[in-house]
Amino acid sequence: MRAVVYDRYGPPDVLRIESVPKPSPAARQVLVKIAATSVNLSDWETLQGSPLYSRIGGLRSPARRTLGSDIAGWVDAVGPAVTRFRPGDEVYGDNLMLKGGFAEYAIAPESVLAHKPAALTFAEASAIPQAGVIAWQGTDGVAAGKRVLINGAGGGSGSFAIQLAKRLGAQVTGVDNAGKLDFMRSVGADEVIDYRSQDFTRSGPYDLILDLVAHRSVFAYRRALAPGGRYRCVGGSVSALLRVLTIGAAAGRLTHRRLGVLAVKEGPTHFEPVADLCATGDLAIHIDRAFTLDEVPEALAHVGNGRALGKVVVTVN
């Protein structure tokens, strides 16, 4: 089978197409014939090996030769003890531990997969698991009249988060680069900020800040919060995350604000509620571009360089 592989961390040009053996599923594993795999910022980070936590399991060289975790396709074969799926089933899920989605076939644990809603295409289904869960859990607790700021709102998780916060009645401010301002408005943001020309931490105050690209000082985040407000970050530099977990947590308690890292819960239980909203049309899936398997380096660069409006998808079969 054809797969996009790499053997060392680096820019997109370390990737190449290679013919590799078709894998066989072990116990409680499923072999998926890939139809589509969406690109996440985590793929870009694991390609480069930065931040450092992206090297977990492979400090000097990649633990998995093929990236791509948000997969959708058909069950090709099942291993022993698999009870929920059979060959021919249409499935999707976040295969974060094993990855392998940028290939014609991928092995995934049965536990990470769900049956694809008939109302969604494979490309649409692949766009949901990781981005949808982050947005769903990141906006938990939002209520009508609350002021919400989403930093990195023009990407996959951000476009879902804007819509979810608006569904709950919040006043939403989206932050991203200038090329995404109109897109964030079209998704539903009430106000938009170009982070390159305006310091969003001097706006507000906000009842919730969902930060998808944490890089600023915890004291800057704190000043943007209203009393009783919450700051949640997902991703960002190691130093920024450590500051939030230590200095931020302490400083927040002293001023009746809560600063912390969002511990994202994975699996079908957490992404299926988002998929249900998408299947009924209550939540829109915004796919910026679809690339082919041969164009995976370009797809990753499109996301990693901050150009993607919503999700980017790689179509395989």
C-alpha atoms as a PDB file:
ATOM      1  CA  MET A   1       0.000   0.000   0.000  1.00  0.00           C
ATOM      2  CA  ARG A   2       1.014   3.653  -0.412  1.00  0.00           C
ATOM      3  CA  ALA A   3       1.801   5.674   2.712  1.00  0.00           C
ATOM      4  CA  VAL A   4       3.357   9.037   3.540  1.00  0.00           C
ATOM      5  CA  VAL A   5       6.318   8.329   5.819  1.00  0.00           C
ATOM      6  CA  TYR A   6       9.144  10.176   7.563  1.00  0.00           C
ATOM      7  CA  ASP A   7      12.117   9.028   9.626  1.00  0.00           C
ATOM      8  CA  ARG A   8      13.312  12.263  11.214  1.00  0.00           C
ATOM      9  CA  TYR A   9      11.730  15.410  12.575  1.00  0.00           C
ATOM     10  CA  GLY A  10      11.789  18.407  10.322  1.00  0.00           C
ATOM     11  CA  PRO A  11       9.923  20.480   7.704  1.00  0.00           C
ATOM     12  CA  PRO A  12       7.428  18.984   5.218  1.00  0.00           C
ATOM     13  CA  ASP A  13      10.181  18.018   2.783  1.00  0.00           C
ATOM     14  CA  VAL A  14      11.250  15.153   5.102  1.00  0.00           C
ATOM     15  CA  LEU A  15       8.017  13.401   4.067  1.00  0.00           C
ATOM     16  CA  ARG A  16       7.898  10.960   1.163  1.00  0.00           C
ATOM     17  CA  ILE A  17       5.506   8.466  -0.423  1.00  0.00           C
ATOM     18  CA  GLU A  18       6.583   4.878   0.109  1.00  0.00           C
ATOM     19  CA  SER A  19       5.164   1.452  -0.673  1.00  0.00           C
ATOM     20  CA  VAL A  20       4.795  -0.413   2.645  1.00  0.00           C
ATOM     21  CA  PRO A  21       3.175  -3.736   3.613  1.00  0.00           C
ATOM     22  CA  LYS A  22      -0.541  -3.646   4.305  1.00  0.00           C
ATOM     23  CA  PRO A  23      -0.901  -4.110   8.085  1.00  0.00           C
ATOM     24  CA  SER A  24      -2.983  -6.794   9.787  1.00  0.00           C
ATOM     25  CA  PRO A  25      -5.148  -6.064  12.846  1.00  0.00           C
ATOM     26  CA  ALA A  26      -4.285  -7.655  16.177  1.00  0.00           C
ATOM     27  CA  ALA A  27      -6.733  -8.350  18.999  1.00  0.00           C
ATOM     28  CA  ARG A  28      -9.311  -5.558  19.441  1.00  0.00           C
ATOM     29  CA  GLN A  29      -7.931  -3.738  16.423  1.00  0.00           C
ATOM     30  CA  VAL A  30      -9.572  -2.755  13.148  1.00  0.00           C
ATOM     31  CA  LEU A  31      -7.984  -2.326   9.713  1.00  0.00           C
ATOM     32  CA  VAL A  32      -9.530   0.746   8.083  1.00  0.00           C
ATOM     33  CA  LYS A  33      -9.395   1.461   4.361  1.00  0.00           C
ATOM     34  CA  ILE A  34      -8.897   5.224   4.490  1.00  0.00           C
ATOM     35  CA  ALA A  35     -11.225   7.517   2.573  1.00  0.00           C
ATOM     36  CA  ALA A  36     -10.208  10.784   4.256  1.00  0.00           C
ATOM     37  CA  THR A  37      -7.989  12.037   7.065  1.00  0.00           C
ATOM     38  CA  SER A  38      -8.151  15.572   8.388  1.00  0.00           C
ATOM     39  CA  VAL A  39      -5.038  17.539   9.313  1.00  0.00           C
ATOM     40  CA  ASN A  40      -4.636  18.780  12.883  1.00  0.00           C
ATOM     41  CA  LEU A  41      -2.088  21.134  14.388  1.00  0.00           C
ATOM     42  CA  SER A  42      -0.854  18.096  16.354  1.00  0.00           C
ATOM     43  CA  ASP A  43       0.251  16.539  13.023  1.00  0.00           C
ATOM     44  CA  TRP A  44       2.317  19.634  12.236  1.00  0.00           C
ATOM     45  CA  GLU A  45       3.867  19.603  15.701  1.00  0.00           C
ATOM     46  CA  THR A  46       4.705  15.888  15.531  1.00  0.00           C
ATOM     47  CA  LEU A  47       6.236  16.355  12.079  1.00  0.00           C
ATOM     48  CA  GLN A  48       8.575  19.017  13.441  1.00  0.00           C
ATOM     49  CA  GLY A  49       9.083  17.448  16.863  1.00  0.00           C
ATOM     50  CA  SER A  50       8.219  20.760  18.507  1.00  0.00           C
ATOM     51  CA  PRO A  51       6.953  21.542  21.142  1.00  0.00           C
ATOM     52  CA  LEU A  52       8.903  18.909  23.048  1.00  0.00           C
ATOM     53  CA  TYR A  53       5.775  17.042  24.200  1.00  0.00           C
ATOM     54  CA  SER A  54       5.123  16.111  20.554  1.00  0.00           C
ATOM     55  CA  ARG A  55       8.136  13.755  20.825  1.00  0.00           C
ATOM     56  CA  ILE A  56       6.561  11.554  23.487  1.00  0.00           C
ATOM     57  CA  GLY A  57       7.505   7.973  22.638  1.00  0.00           C
ATOM     58  CA  GLY A  58      10.212   9.082  20.199  1.00  0.00           C
ATOM     59  CA  LEU A  59      12.632  11.638  21.576  1.00  0.00           C
ATOM     60  CA  ARG A  60      15.233  11.402  18.789  1.00  0.00           C
ATOM     61  CA  SER A  61      13.145  10.018  15.929  1.00  0.00           C
ATOM     62  CA  PRO A  62       9.399   9.671  15.293  1.00  0.00           C
ATOM     63  CA  ALA A  63       7.604   6.905  17.152  1.00  0.00           C
ATOM     64  CA  ARG A  64       5.202   6.489  14.200  1.00  0.00           C
ATOM     65  CA  ARG A  65       6.407   6.788  10.605  1.00  0.00           C
ATOM     66  CA  THR A  66       3.009   7.887   9.276  1.00  0.00           C
ATOM     67  CA  LEU A  67       1.045  10.819  10.674  1.00  0.00           C
ATOM     68  CA  GLY A  68      -2.702  11.438  10.557  1.00  0.00           C
ATOM     69  CA  SER A  69      -5.031  10.632  13.454  1.00  0.00           C
ATOM     70  CA  ASP A  70      -8.516  11.862  12.456  1.00  0.00           C
ATOM     71  CA  ILE A  71      -9.501   9.083  10.062  1.00  0.00           C
ATOM     72  CA  ALA A  72     -12.640   8.036   8.189  1.00  0.00           C
ATOM     73  CA  GLY A  73     -13.183   5.083   5.894  1.00  0.00           C
ATOM     74  CA  TRP A  74     -14.401   1.524   5.588  1.00  0.00           C
ATOM     75  CA  VAL A  75     -13.615  -1.444   7.842  1.00  0.00           C
ATOM     76  CA  ASP A  76     -11.435  -3.762   5.769  1.00  0.00           C
ATOM     77  CA  ALA A  77     -10.742  -6.423   8.411  1.00  0.00           C
ATOM     78  CA  VAL A  78     -11.125  -6.924  12.148  1.00  0.00           C
ATOM     79  CA  GLY A  79      -8.875  -8.604  14.667  1.00  0.00           C
ATOM     80  CA  PRO A  80      -9.853 -11.145  17.345  1.00  0.00           C
ATOM     81  CA  ALA A  81     -12.330  -9.976  20.015  1.00  0.00           C
ATOM     82  CA  VAL A  82     -13.684  -7.074  17.914  1.00  0.00           C
ATOM     83  CA  THR A  83     -17.466  -6.990  18.431  1.00  0.00           C
ATOM     84  CA  ARG A  84     -18.689  -3.545  17.314  1.00  0.00           C
ATOM     85  CA  PHE A  85     -17.586  -3.570  13.681  1.00  0.00           C
ATOM     86  CA  ARG A  86     -17.455  -5.841  10.666  1.00  0.00           C
ATOM     87  CA  PRO A  87     -15.941  -5.488   7.174  1.00  0.00           C
ATOM     88  CA  GLY A  88     -17.726  -2.903   5.078  1.00  0.00           C
ATOM     89  CA  ASP A  89     -18.839  -0.692   7.975  1.00  0.00           C
ATOM     90  CA  GLU A  90     -18.276   3.031   7.508  1.00  0.00           C
ATOM     91  CA  VAL A  91     -16.312   4.367  10.489  1.00  0.00           C
ATOM     92  CA  TYR A  92     -14.463   7.429  11.754  1.00  0.00           C
ATOM     93  CA  GLY A  93     -12.463   8.378  14.837  1.00  0.00           C
ATOM     94  CA  ASP A  94      -9.366   9.924  16.394  1.00  0.00           C
ATOM     95  CA  ASN A  95      -6.526   7.408  16.134  1.00  0.00           C
ATOM     96  CA  LEU A  96      -4.150   9.622  18.109  1.00  0.00           C
ATOM     97  CA  MET A  97      -2.004   6.849  19.621  1.00  0.00           C
ATOM     98  CA  LEU A  98      -1.329   4.825  16.449  1.00  0.00           C
ATOM     99  CA  LYS A  99      -1.889   7.524  13.792  1.00  0.00           C
ATOM    100  CA  GLY A 100      -1.261   6.231  10.247  1.00  0.00           C
ATOM    101  CA  GLY A 101      -4.079   8.088   8.484  1.00  0.00           C
ATOM    102  CA  PHE A 102      -1.948   9.485   5.649  1.00  0.00           C
ATOM    103  CA  ALA A 103      -1.947   6.102   3.932  1.00  0.00           C
ATOM    104  CA  GLU A 104      -4.298   3.801   2.058  1.00  0.00           C
ATOM    105  CA  TYR A 105      -4.905   1.653   5.164  1.00  0.00           C
ATOM    106  CA  ALA A 106      -4.480   2.218   8.903  1.00  0.00           C
ATOM    107  CA  ILE A 107      -4.745   0.103  12.043  1.00  0.00           C
ATOM    108  CA  ALA A 108      -6.904   1.558  14.838  1.00  0.00           C
ATOM    109  CA  PRO A 109      -8.094   0.225  18.202  1.00  0.00           C
ATOM    110  CA  GLU A 110     -11.788  -0.648  18.141  1.00  0.00           C
ATOM    111  CA  SER A 111     -12.318   1.711  21.092  1.00  0.00           C
ATOM    112  CA  VAL A 112     -11.422   4.895  19.165  1.00  0.00           C
ATOM    113  CA  LEU A 113     -13.862   4.343  16.300  1.00  0.00           C
ATOM    114  CA  ALA A 114     -17.554   5.027  15.797  1.00  0.00           C
ATOM    115  CA  HIS A 115     -20.015   4.327  12.993  1.00  0.00           C
ATOM    116  CA  LYS A 116     -20.046   7.238  10.547  1.00  0.00           C
ATOM    117  CA  PRO A 117     -23.357   9.135  10.428  1.00  0.00           C
ATOM    118  CA  ALA A 118     -24.983   8.522   7.049  1.00  0.00           C
ATOM    119  CA  ALA A 119     -25.661  12.250   6.638  1.00  0.00           C
ATOM    120  CA  LEU A 120     -21.934  13.065   6.635  1.00  0.00           C
ATOM    121  CA  THR A 121     -19.352  12.479   3.919  1.00  0.00           C
ATOM    122  CA  PHE A 122     -16.093  10.785   4.846  1.00  0.00           C
ATOM    123  CA  ALA A 123     -14.288  14.131   4.540  1.00  0.00           C
ATOM    124  CA  GLU A 124     -16.792  15.792   6.882  1.00  0.00           C
ATOM    125  CA  ALA A 125     -16.602  12.964   9.411  1.00  0.00           C
ATOM    126  CA  SER A 126     -12.800  13.074   9.465  1.00  0.00           C
ATOM    127  CA  ALA A 127     -12.949  16.783  10.331  1.00  0.00           C
ATOM    128  CA  ILE A 128     -14.790  16.237  13.613  1.00  0.00           C
ATOM    129  CA  PRO A 129     -13.071  13.991  16.207  1.00  0.00           C
ATOM    130  CA  GLN A 130     -10.118  16.018  17.499  1.00  0.00           C
ATOM    131  CA  ALA A 131     -11.239  19.542  16.628  1.00  0.00           C
ATOM    132  CA  GLY A 132     -14.829  18.910  17.659  1.00  0.00           C
ATOM    133  CA  VAL A 133     -13.897  17.491  21.063  1.00  0.00           C
ATOM    134  CA  ILE A 134     -11.576  20.398  21.872  1.00  0.00           C
ATOM    135  CA  ALA A 135     -14.312  22.884  20.967  1.00  0.00           C
ATOM    136  CA  TRP A 136     -17.028  20.937  22.814  1.00  0.00           C
ATOM    137  CA  GLN A 137     -15.070  20.605  26.043  1.00  0.00           C
ATOM    138  CA  GLY A 138     -13.447  24.016  25.732  1.00  0.00           C
ATOM    139  CA  THR A 139     -16.829  25.789  25.647  1.00  0.00           C
ATOM    140  CA  ASP A 140     -18.399  23.677  28.388  1.00  0.00           C
ATOM    141  CA  GLY A 141     -20.175  25.868  30.920  1.00  0.00           C
ATOM    142  CA  VAL A 142     -20.752  28.798  28.567  1.00  0.00           C
ATOM    143  CA  ALA A 143     -24.130  30.454  29.145  1.00  0.00           C
ATOM    144  CA  ALA A 144     -26.282  33.163  27.582  1.00  0.00           C
ATOM    145  CA  GLY A 145     -24.873  36.662  27.969  1.00  0.00           C
ATOM    146  CA  LYS A 146     -21.335  35.515  28.804  1.00  0.00           C
ATOM    147  CA  ARG A 147     -18.366  37.055  26.997  1.00  0.00           C
ATOM    148  CA  VAL A 148     -16.119  34.476  25.335  1.00  0.00           C
ATOM    149  CA  LEU A 149     -12.786  34.996  23.571  1.00  0.00           C
ATOM    150  CA  ILE A 150     -11.299  32.268  21.376  1.00  0.00           C
ATOM    151  CA  ASN A 151      -7.649  32.665  20.404  1.00  0.00           C
ATOM    152  CA  GLY A 152      -6.873  30.762  17.204  1.00  0.00           C
ATOM    153  CA  ALA A 153     -10.537  30.897  16.246  1.00  0.00           C
ATOM    154  CA  GLY A 154      -9.974  30.700  12.491  1.00  0.00           C
ATOM    155  CA  GLY A 155      -8.833  27.077  12.469  1.00  0.00           C
ATOM    156  CA  GLY A 156     -10.630  23.768  12.881  1.00  0.00           C
ATOM    157  CA  SER A 157     -11.262  23.761  16.635  1.00  0.00           C
ATOM    158  CA  GLY A 158     -11.851  27.497  16.633  1.00  0.00           C
ATOM    159  CA  SER A 159     -14.552  27.427  13.960  1.00  0.00           C
ATOM    160  CA  PHE A 160     -16.421  24.750  15.913  1.00  0.00           C
ATOM    161  CA  ALA A 161     -15.923  26.637  19.187  1.00  0.00           C
ATOM    162  CA  ILE A 162     -17.355  29.890  17.788  1.00  0.00           C
ATOM    163  CA  GLN A 163     -20.504  28.087  16.693  1.00  0.00           C
ATOM    164  CA  LEU A 164     -20.922  26.161  19.947  1.00  0.00           C
ATOM    165  CA  ALA A 165     -20.474  29.285  22.082  1.00  0.00           C
ATOM    166  CA  LYS A 166     -22.993  31.176  19.945  1.00  0.00           C
ATOM    167  CA  ARG A 167     -25.495  28.299  20.282  1.00  0.00           C
ATOM    168  CA  LEU A 168     -25.232  28.752  24.045  1.00  0.00           C
ATOM    169  CA  GLY A 169     -25.984  32.479  23.756  1.00  0.00           C
ATOM    170  CA  ALA A 170     -22.523  33.916  24.335  1.00  0.00           C
ATOM    171  CA  GLN A 171     -20.985  37.103  22.944  1.00  0.00           C
ATOM    172  CA  VAL A 172     -17.985  35.744  21.014  1.00  0.00           C
ATOM    173  CA  THR A 173     -14.714  37.430  20.071  1.00  0.00           C
ATOM    174  CA  GLY A 174     -12.457  35.560  17.638  1.00  0.00           C
ATOM    175  CA  VAL A 175      -8.695  36.131  17.470  1.00  0.00           C
ATOM    176  CA  ASP A 176      -6.457  35.077  14.582  1.00  0.00           C
ATOM    177  CA  ASN A 177      -4.412  36.587  11.763  1.00  0.00           C
ATOM    178  CA  ALA A 178      -5.783  39.249   9.416  1.00  0.00           C
ATOM    179  CA  GLY A 179      -6.476  36.724   6.659  1.00  0.00           C
ATOM    180  CA  LYS A 180      -9.075  34.993   8.819  1.00  0.00           C
ATOM    181  CA  LEU A 181     -11.121  37.933  10.115  1.00  0.00           C
ATOM    182  CA  ASP A 182     -13.882  37.664   7.509  1.00  0.00           C
ATOM    183  CA  PHE A 183     -14.024  33.894   7.946  1.00  0.00           C
ATOM    184  CA  MET A 184     -14.490  34.195  11.725  1.00  0.00           C
ATOM    185  CA  ARG A 185     -17.324  36.675  11.169  1.00  0.00           C
ATOM    186  CA  SER A 186     -18.972  34.303   8.698  1.00  0.00           C
ATOM    187  CA  VAL A 187     -18.845  31.493  11.253  1.00  0.00           C
ATOM    188  CA  GLY A 188     -20.607  33.685  13.824  1.00  0.00           C
ATOM    189  CA  ALA A 189     -18.048  35.731  15.766  1.00  0.00           C
ATOM    190  CA  ASP A 190     -19.501  39.015  17.024  1.00  0.00           C
ATOM    191  CA  GLU A 191     -16.101  40.708  17.155  1.00  0.00           C
ATOM    192  CA  VAL A 192     -12.776  39.782  15.565  1.00  0.00           C
ATOM    193  CA  ILE A 193      -9.189  40.741  16.409  1.00  0.00           C
ATOM    194  CA  ASP A 194      -6.015  40.477  14.358  1.00  0.00           C
ATOM    195  CA  TYR A 195      -3.483  39.437  16.996  1.00  0.00           C
ATOM    196  CA  ARG A 196      -0.647  40.975  14.968  1.00  0.00           C
ATOM    197  CA  SER A 197      -2.064  44.487  15.205  1.00  0.00           C
ATOM    198  CA  GLN A 198      -3.990  44.426  18.494  1.00  0.00           C
ATOM    199  CA  ASP A 199      -3.212  42.969  21.920  1.00  0.00           C
ATOM    200  CA  PHE A 200      -6.311  40.914  22.686  1.00  0.00           C
ATOM    201  CA  THR A 201      -5.322  40.581  26.345  1.00  0.00           C
ATOM    202  CA  ARG A 202      -6.067  44.307  26.715  1.00  0.00           C
ATOM    203  CA  SER A 203      -9.651  43.851  25.545  1.00  0.00           C
ATOM    204  CA  GLY A 204     -12.538  42.328  27.474  1.00  0.00           C
ATOM    205  CA  PRO A 205     -12.998  41.495  30.241  1.00  0.00           C
ATOM    206  CA  TYR A 206     -14.090  37.960  29.312  1.00  0.00           C
ATOM    207  CA  ASP A 207     -15.881  35.270  31.274  1.00  0.00           C
ATOM    208  CA  LEU A 208     -14.050  32.567  29.295  1.00  0.00           C
ATOM    209  CA  ILE A 209     -10.887  32.580  27.216  1.00  0.00           C
ATOM    210  CA  LEU A 210     -10.289  29.433  25.154  1.00  0.00           C
ATOM    211  CA  ASP A 211      -6.690  29.637  23.971  1.00  0.00           C
ATOM    212  CA  LEU A 212      -5.753  27.231  21.180  1.00  0.00           C
ATOM    213  CA  VAL A 213      -2.233  28.674  20.694  1.00  0.00           C
ATOM    214  CA  ALA A 214      -0.963  29.637  24.147  1.00  0.00           C
ATOM    215  CA  HIS A 215       2.157  31.814  24.025  1.00  0.00           C
ATOM    216  CA  ARG A 216       1.423  34.881  26.156  1.00  0.00           C
ATOM    217  CA  SER A 217       2.195  35.672  29.793  1.00  0.00           C
ATOM    218  CA  VAL A 218      -0.240  34.272  32.361  1.00  0.00           C
ATOM    219  CA  PHE A 219      -0.544  37.770  33.823  1.00  0.00           C
ATOM    220  CA  ALA A 220      -1.671  39.073  30.437  1.00  0.00           C
ATOM    221  CA  TYR A 221      -4.328  36.364  30.256  1.00  0.00           C
ATOM    222  CA  ARG A 222      -5.415  37.078  33.816  1.00  0.00           C
ATOM    223  CA  ARG A 223      -5.979  40.773  33.207  1.00  0.00           C
ATOM    224  CA  ALA A 224      -8.304  39.905  30.302  1.00  0.00           C
ATOM    225  CA  LEU A 225     -10.544  37.820  32.574  1.00  0.00           C
ATOM    226  CA  ALA A 226     -13.546  39.123  34.463  1.00  0.00           C
ATOM    227  CA  PRO A 227     -13.768  38.242  38.185  1.00  0.00           C
ATOM    228  CA  GLY A 228     -14.767  34.599  38.363  1.00  0.00           C
ATOM    229  CA  GLY A 229     -13.651  34.111  34.756  1.00  0.00           C
ATOM    230  CA  ARG A 230     -11.909  31.048  33.365  1.00  0.00           C
ATOM    231  CA  TYR A 231      -8.912  30.650  31.069  1.00  0.00           C
ATOM    232  CA  ARG A 232      -8.375  27.293  29.328  1.00  0.00           C
ATOM    233  CA  CYS A 233      -5.503  26.571  26.959  1.00  0.00           C
ATOM    234  CA  VAL A 234      -4.934  23.680  24.576  1.00  0.00           C
ATOM    235  CA  GLY A 235      -1.512  23.400  23.025  1.00  0.00           C
ATOM    236  CA  GLY A 236       1.172  26.062  22.810  1.00  0.00           C
ATOM    237  CA  SER A 237       4.796  26.172  23.875  1.00  0.00           C
ATOM    238  CA  VAL A 238       5.996  23.987  26.742  1.00  0.00           C
ATOM    239  CA  SER A 239       7.091  27.046  28.714  1.00  0.00           C
ATOM    240  CA  ALA A 240       3.670  28.689  28.286  1.00  0.00           C
ATOM    241  CA  LEU A 241       1.845  25.556  29.423  1.00  0.00           C
ATOM    242  CA  LEU A 242       4.100  25.165  32.459  1.00  0.00           C
ATOM    243  CA  ARG A 243       3.519  28.790  33.431  1.00  0.00           C
ATOM    244  CA  VAL A 244      -0.232  28.295  33.233  1.00  0.00           C
ATOM    245  CA  LEU A 245      -0.065  25.147  35.371  1.00  0.00           C
ATOM    246  CA  THR A 246       2.104  26.761  38.044  1.00  0.00           C
ATOM    247  CA  ILE A 247       2.176  30.554  38.193  1.00  0.00           C
ATOM    248  CA  GLY A 248      -1.180  30.915  36.435  1.00  0.00           C
ATOM    249  CA  ALA A 249      -3.020  28.569  38.759  1.00  0.00           C
ATOM    250  CA  ALA A 250      -1.686  30.350  41.845  1.00  0.00           C
ATOM    251  CA  ALA A 251      -2.195  33.871  40.509  1.00  0.00           C
ATOM    252  CA  GLY A 252      -5.708  33.019  39.406  1.00  0.00           C
ATOM    253  CA  ARG A 253      -6.770  31.773  42.826  1.00  0.00           C
ATOM    254  CA  LEU A 254      -5.539  34.967  44.455  1.00  0.00           C
ATOM    255  CA  THR A 255      -7.718  37.092  42.160  1.00  0.00           C
ATOM    256  CA  HIS A 256     -10.784  34.810  41.950  1.00  0.00           C
ATOM    257  CA  ARG A 257     -10.016  33.739  38.416  1.00  0.00           C
ATOM    258  CA  ARG A 258      -9.256  30.238  37.146  1.00  0.00           C
ATOM    259  CA  LEU A 259      -6.346  29.603  34.785  1.00  0.00           C
ATOM    260  CA  GLY A 260      -5.589  26.085  33.622  1.00  0.00           C
ATOM    261  CA  VAL A 261      -4.857  23.641  30.813  1.00  0.00           C
ATOM    262  CA  LEU A 262      -7.819  21.853  29.252  1.00  0.00           C
ATOM    263  CA  ALA A 263      -7.387  18.108  29.788  1.00  0.00           C
ATOM    264  CA  VAL A 264      -9.060  16.874  26.614  1.00  0.00           C
ATOM    265  CA  LYS A 265     -11.023  13.626  26.953  1.00  0.00           C
ATOM    266  CA  GLU A 266     -10.866  11.474  23.831  1.00  0.00           C
ATOM    267  CA  GLY A 267     -13.037   8.826  22.219  1.00  0.00           C
ATOM    268  CA  PRO A 268     -16.457   8.356  20.588  1.00  0.00           C
ATOM    269  CA  THR A 269     -18.375   9.302  23.734  1.00  0.00           C
ATOM    270  CA  HIS A 270     -16.892  12.778  23.439  1.00  0.00           C
ATOM    271  CA  PHE A 271     -16.918  13.406  19.664  1.00  0.00           C
ATOM    272  CA  GLU A 272     -20.253  11.809  18.741  1.00  0.00           C
ATOM    273  CA  PRO A 273     -22.345  14.649  20.286  1.00  0.00           C
ATOM    274  CA  VAL A 274     -20.575  17.078  17.943  1.00  0.00           C
ATOM    275  CA  ALA A 275     -21.070  14.759  14.970  1.00  0.00           C
ATOM    276  CA  ASP A 276     -24.789  14.506  15.788  1.00  0.00           C
ATOM    277  CA  LEU A 277     -25.092  18.303  15.630  1.00  0.00           C
ATOM    278  CA  CYS A 278     -23.223  18.311  12.327  1.00  0.00           C
ATOM    279  CA  ALA A 279     -25.409  15.545  10.897  1.00  0.00           C
ATOM    280  CA  THR A 280     -28.591  17.487  11.699  1.00  0.00           C
ATOM    281  CA  GLY A 281     -27.174  20.698  10.257  1.00  0.00           C
ATOM    282  CA  ASP A 282     -27.101  22.484  13.615  1.00  0.00           C
ATOM    283  CA  LEU A 283     -23.317  22.800  13.394  1.00  0.00           C
ATOM    284  CA  ALA A 284     -21.464  23.538  10.160  1.00  0.00           C
ATOM    285  CA  ILE A 285     -18.255  21.784   9.107  1.00  0.00           C
ATOM    286  CA  HIS A 286     -15.971  24.218   7.319  1.00  0.00           C
ATOM    287  CA  ILE A 287     -13.471  22.451   5.043  1.00  0.00           C
ATOM    288  CA  ASP A 288     -11.008  24.899   3.546  1.00  0.00           C
ATOM    289  CA  ARG A 289      -9.273  22.578   1.099  1.00  0.00           C
ATOM    290  CA  ALA A 290      -8.936  18.898   0.224  1.00  0.00           C
ATOM    291  CA  PHE A 291      -5.503  17.559  -0.735  1.00  0.00           C
ATOM    292  CA  THR A 292      -4.454  14.208  -2.186  1.00  0.00           C
ATOM    293  CA  LEU A 293      -2.117  11.715  -0.555  1.00  0.00           C
ATOM    294  CA  ASP A 294       0.719  13.007  -2.747  1.00  0.00           C
ATOM    295  CA  GLU A 295       0.027  16.517  -1.458  1.00  0.00           C
ATOM    296  CA  VAL A 296       0.297  15.755   2.277  1.00  0.00           C
ATOM    297  CA  PRO A 297       3.410  17.976   2.683  1.00  0.00           C
ATOM    298  CA  GLU A 298       1.454  20.911   1.255  1.00  0.00           C
ATOM    299  CA  ALA A 299      -1.561  20.104   3.422  1.00  0.00           C
ATOM    300  CA  LEU A 300       0.540  20.093   6.588  1.00  0.00           C
ATOM    301  CA  ALA A 301       2.260  23.350   5.637  1.00  0.00           C
ATOM    302  CA  HIS A 302      -1.122  24.965   4.941  1.00  0.00           C
ATOM    303  CA  VAL A 303      -2.220  24.192   8.505  1.00  0.00           C
ATOM    304  CA  GLY A 304       1.139  24.737  10.200  1.00  0.00           C
ATOM    305  CA  ASN A 305       1.654  28.137   8.636  1.00  0.00           C
ATOM    306  CA  GLY A 306      -1.724  29.356   9.866  1.00  0.00           C
ATOM    307  CA  ARG A 307      -3.445  29.634   6.490  1.00  0.00           C
ATOM    308  CA  ALA A 308      -6.284  27.136   6.957  1.00  0.00           C
ATOM    309  CA  LEU A 309      -9.816  28.524   7.277  1.00  0.00           C
ATOM    310  CA  GLY A 310     -11.460  25.803   9.326  1.00  0.00           C
ATOM    311  CA  LYS A 311     -10.353  22.244   8.530  1.00  0.00           C
ATOM    312  CA  VAL A 312      -8.033  20.777   5.903  1.00  0.00           C
ATOM    313  CA  VAL A 313      -8.634  17.232   4.658  1.00  0.00           C
ATOM    314  CA  VAL A 314      -6.539  14.662   2.800  1.00  0.00           C
ATOM    315  CA  THR A 315      -8.637  12.376   0.591  1.00  0.00           C
ATOM    316  CA  VAL A 316      -7.168   8.946  -0.058  1.00  0.00           C
ATOM    317  CA  ASN A 317      -9.571   6.473  -1.687  1.00  0.00           C
END
